[in-house]
């Protein structure tokens, strides 16, 4: 599973409901929700 840093929990968490998105500069990213607090989390992937 993908992980991201949650700014609210201040720790790395596994992304719940991950979805792949493409940024304007054509870099892949993963967007989802923190399982602990429900905050949106975002991670830019390697090109």
Protein backbone atom coordinates (compact mmCIF):
# COMPACT_ATOMS: atom_id res chain seq x y z
CA UNK A 1 0.00 0.00 0.00
CA UNK A 2 1.02 3.59 -0.51
CA UNK A 3 2.09 5.72 2.42
CA UNK A 4 2.01 9.48 2.89
CA UNK A 5 2.80 11.97 5.65
CA UNK A 6 -0.26 13.24 7.51
CA UNK A 7 0.21 16.87 8.55
CA UNK A 8 -2.42 16.64 11.28
CA UNK A 9 -1.16 13.39 12.90
CA UNK A 10 2.49 14.30 12.20
CA UNK A 11 3.41 10.77 11.11
CA UNK A 12 3.52 8.50 8.06
CA UNK A 13 0.26 6.65 7.46
CA UNK A 14 -1.09 4.20 4.89
CA UNK A 15 -3.37 5.96 2.42
CA UNK A 16 -7.02 4.90 2.65
CA UNK A 17 -8.99 4.99 -0.63
CA UNK A 18 -5.90 5.75 -2.76
CA UNK A 19 -6.46 7.12 -6.25
CA UNK A 20 -3.84 7.83 -8.90
CA UNK A 21 -3.85 11.36 -10.31
CA UNK A 22 -1.70 13.18 -12.87
CA UNK A 23 -0.32 16.62 -12.03
CA UNK A 24 -0.17 19.49 -14.52
CA UNK A 25 3.50 18.79 -15.17
CA UNK A 26 2.61 15.14 -15.99
CA UNK A 27 4.05 13.66 -12.78
CA UNK A 28 2.06 10.85 -11.19
CA UNK A 29 0.70 11.26 -7.66
CA UNK A 30 -1.48 9.43 -5.18
CA UNK A 31 -4.32 11.09 -3.30
CA UNK A 32 -6.33 9.67 -0.42
CA UNK A 33 -7.42 9.96 3.20
CA UNK A 34 -5.65 9.42 6.52
CA UNK A 35 -7.21 6.42 8.30
CA UNK A 36 -6.73 7.95 11.78
CA UNK A 37 -8.10 11.49 11.43
CA UNK A 38 -9.76 11.66 8.00
CA UNK A 39 -7.52 14.43 6.64
CA UNK A 40 -6.66 14.43 2.94
CA UNK A 41 -3.13 13.16 2.25
CA UNK A 42 -1.12 13.47 -0.95
CA UNK A 43 2.09 11.91 -2.24
CA UNK A 44 4.02 12.74 -5.43
CA UNK A 45 5.40 9.57 -7.03
CA UNK A 46 8.63 9.08 -8.95
CA UNK A 47 8.40 9.81 -12.65
